[in-house]
Amino acid sequence: MLPAGIAGVTVEKLDRIYFCTECKTVFLFKLDASDHKKESGHTQLREMPFEG
């Protein structure tokens, strides 16, 4: 856990999942999905918001 008050830290709201339709991998964070896209060359990523 990060200490409170660290300047420059961005906290992503967990309100959706990211899904690669090519290899069926699921990500909670946009940065992880973006890294996967760059590293794997997969281009078919989808966002699915949580319902509630």
N, C-alpha and C. Protein backbone atom coordinates (compact mmCIF):
# COMPACT_ATOMS: atom_id res chain seq x y z
N MET A 1 0.84 -1.18 0.00
CA MET A 1 0.00 0.00 0.00
C MET A 1 0.88 1.24 0.00
N LEU A 2 0.52 2.21 -0.81
CA LEU A 2 1.30 3.44 -0.88
C LEU A 2 0.91 4.39 0.23
N PRO A 3 1.90 5.10 0.79
CA PRO A 3 1.59 6.10 1.81
C PRO A 3 0.75 7.23 1.23
N ALA A 4 -0.13 7.78 2.03
CA ALA A 4 -0.97 8.89 1.58
C ALA A 4 -0.11 10.12 1.35
N GLY A 5 -0.50 10.92 0.37
CA GLY A 5 0.16 12.20 0.14
C GLY A 5 1.35 12.16 -0.79
N ILE A 6 1.57 11.10 -1.52
CA ILE A 6 2.68 11.04 -2.46
C ILE A 6 2.30 11.84 -3.71
N ALA A 7 3.10 12.84 -4.01
CA ALA A 7 2.82 13.69 -5.18
C ALA A 7 3.06 12.92 -6.47
N GLY A 8 2.16 13.12 -7.44
CA GLY A 8 2.34 12.53 -8.75
C GLY A 8 1.78 11.13 -8.90
N VAL A 9 1.20 10.57 -7.86
CA VAL A 9 0.63 9.23 -7.94
C VAL A 9 -0.80 9.33 -8.48
N THR A 10 -1.08 8.58 -9.51
CA THR A 10 -2.42 8.54 -10.07
C THR A 10 -3.08 7.23 -9.67
N VAL A 11 -4.28 7.34 -9.14
CA VAL A 11 -5.03 6.17 -8.72
C VAL A 11 -6.15 5.95 -9.73
N GLU A 12 -6.16 4.77 -10.34
CA GLU A 12 -7.17 4.45 -11.33
C GLU A 12 -8.41 3.88 -10.64
N LYS A 13 -9.57 4.39 -10.99
CA LYS A 13 -10.83 3.89 -10.45
C LYS A 13 -11.12 2.53 -11.09
N LEU A 14 -11.39 1.53 -10.26
CA LEU A 14 -11.67 0.20 -10.78
C LEU A 14 -13.16 0.07 -11.07
N ASP A 15 -13.55 0.52 -12.26
CA ASP A 15 -14.96 0.49 -12.64
C ASP A 15 -15.19 -0.29 -13.93
N ARG A 16 -14.15 -0.96 -14.42
CA ARG A 16 -14.27 -1.73 -15.66
C ARG A 16 -13.15 -2.75 -15.74
N ILE A 17 -13.31 -3.71 -16.64
CA ILE A 17 -12.23 -4.64 -16.95
C ILE A 17 -11.87 -4.47 -18.41
N TYR A 18 -10.67 -4.88 -18.73
CA TYR A 18 -10.17 -4.82 -20.11
C TYR A 18 -9.94 -6.25 -20.55
N PHE A 19 -10.38 -6.59 -21.75
CA PHE A 19 -10.40 -7.96 -22.22
C PHE A 19 -9.79 -8.05 -23.61
N CYS A 20 -8.79 -8.93 -23.75
CA CYS A 20 -8.18 -9.17 -25.06
C CYS A 20 -8.96 -10.28 -25.75
N THR A 21 -9.61 -9.95 -26.84
CA THR A 21 -10.42 -10.96 -27.55
C THR A 21 -9.57 -11.95 -28.32
N GLU A 22 -8.29 -11.65 -28.49
CA GLU A 22 -7.41 -12.54 -29.24
C GLU A 22 -6.88 -13.69 -28.39
N CYS A 23 -6.53 -13.41 -27.13
CA CYS A 23 -5.97 -14.47 -26.27
C CYS A 23 -6.79 -14.69 -25.00
N LYS A 24 -7.89 -13.95 -24.87
CA LYS A 24 -8.83 -14.10 -23.74
C LYS A 24 -8.25 -13.71 -22.39
N THR A 25 -7.25 -12.84 -22.38
CA THR A 25 -6.66 -12.37 -21.13
C THR A 25 -7.47 -11.19 -20.61
N VAL A 26 -7.65 -11.13 -19.29
CA VAL A 26 -8.43 -10.06 -18.65
C VAL A 26 -7.49 -9.22 -17.80
N PHE A 27 -7.69 -7.90 -17.84
CA PHE A 27 -6.88 -6.95 -17.09
C PHE A 27 -7.77 -6.04 -16.26
N LEU A 28 -7.32 -5.66 -15.08
CA LEU A 28 -8.06 -4.71 -14.24
C LEU A 28 -7.62 -3.28 -14.49
N PHE A 29 -6.40 -3.10 -14.95
CA PHE A 29 -5.86 -1.76 -15.12
C PHE A 29 -5.60 -1.45 -16.59
N LYS A 30 -5.92 -0.24 -16.97
CA LYS A 30 -5.75 0.20 -18.36
C LYS A 30 -4.28 0.11 -18.79
N LEU A 31 -3.37 0.46 -17.90
CA LEU A 31 -1.95 0.41 -18.21
C LEU A 31 -1.50 -1.01 -18.53
N ASP A 32 -2.00 -1.99 -17.78
CA ASP A 32 -1.65 -3.39 -18.05
C ASP A 32 -2.17 -3.83 -19.41
N ALA A 33 -3.39 -3.42 -19.75
CA ALA A 33 -3.96 -3.77 -21.06
C ALA A 33 -3.16 -3.11 -22.17
N SER A 34 -2.76 -1.87 -21.96
CA SER A 34 -1.96 -1.15 -22.95
C SER A 34 -0.60 -1.82 -23.14
N ASP A 35 0.02 -2.22 -22.05
CA ASP A 35 1.31 -2.92 -22.13
C ASP A 35 1.15 -4.23 -22.89
N HIS A 36 0.07 -4.95 -22.63
CA HIS A 36 -0.19 -6.21 -23.33
C HIS A 36 -0.32 -5.97 -24.83
N LYS A 37 -1.02 -4.93 -25.18
CA LYS A 37 -1.20 -4.59 -26.60
C LYS A 37 0.14 -4.33 -27.28
N LYS A 38 1.00 -3.58 -26.61
CA LYS A 38 2.33 -3.26 -27.16
C LYS A 38 3.21 -4.50 -27.26
N GLU A 39 3.22 -5.31 -26.21
CA GLU A 39 4.12 -6.46 -26.14
C GLU A 39 3.67 -7.63 -27.01
N SER A 40 2.36 -7.83 -27.13
CA SER A 40 1.85 -8.99 -27.85
C SER A 40 1.50 -8.69 -29.30
N GLY A 41 1.24 -7.41 -29.59
CA GLY A 41 0.78 -7.05 -30.93
C GLY A 41 -0.71 -7.26 -31.12
N HIS A 42 -1.39 -7.69 -30.06
CA HIS A 42 -2.83 -7.88 -30.14
C HIS A 42 -3.52 -6.51 -30.19
N THR A 43 -4.48 -6.39 -31.07
CA THR A 43 -5.14 -5.09 -31.25
C THR A 43 -6.61 -5.10 -30.86
N GLN A 44 -7.15 -6.28 -30.56
CA GLN A 44 -8.58 -6.40 -30.27
C GLN A 44 -8.84 -6.41 -28.76
N LEU A 45 -8.65 -5.28 -28.10
CA LEU A 45 -8.94 -5.16 -26.69
C LEU A 45 -10.26 -4.43 -26.51
N ARG A 46 -11.06 -4.91 -25.58
CA ARG A 46 -12.37 -4.34 -25.29
C ARG A 46 -12.44 -3.91 -23.83
N GLU A 47 -13.25 -2.89 -23.57
CA GLU A 47 -13.52 -2.44 -22.21
C GLU A 47 -14.93 -2.87 -21.85
N MET A 48 -15.08 -3.40 -20.64
CA MET A 48 -16.41 -3.79 -20.17
C MET A 48 -16.61 -3.18 -18.79
N PRO A 49 -17.53 -2.22 -18.67
CA PRO A 49 -17.77 -1.60 -17.36
C PRO A 49 -18.48 -2.57 -16.41
N PHE A 50 -18.19 -2.41 -15.14
CA PHE A 50 -18.93 -3.18 -14.12
C PHE A 50 -20.33 -2.61 -14.05
N GLU A 51 -21.30 -3.47 -13.89
CA GLU A 51 -22.67 -3.01 -13.73
C GLU A 51 -22.98 -2.96 -12.25
N GLY A 52 -23.79 -2.00 -11.86
CA GLY A 52 -24.12 -1.98 -10.45
C GLY A 52 -24.78 -0.75 -10.10
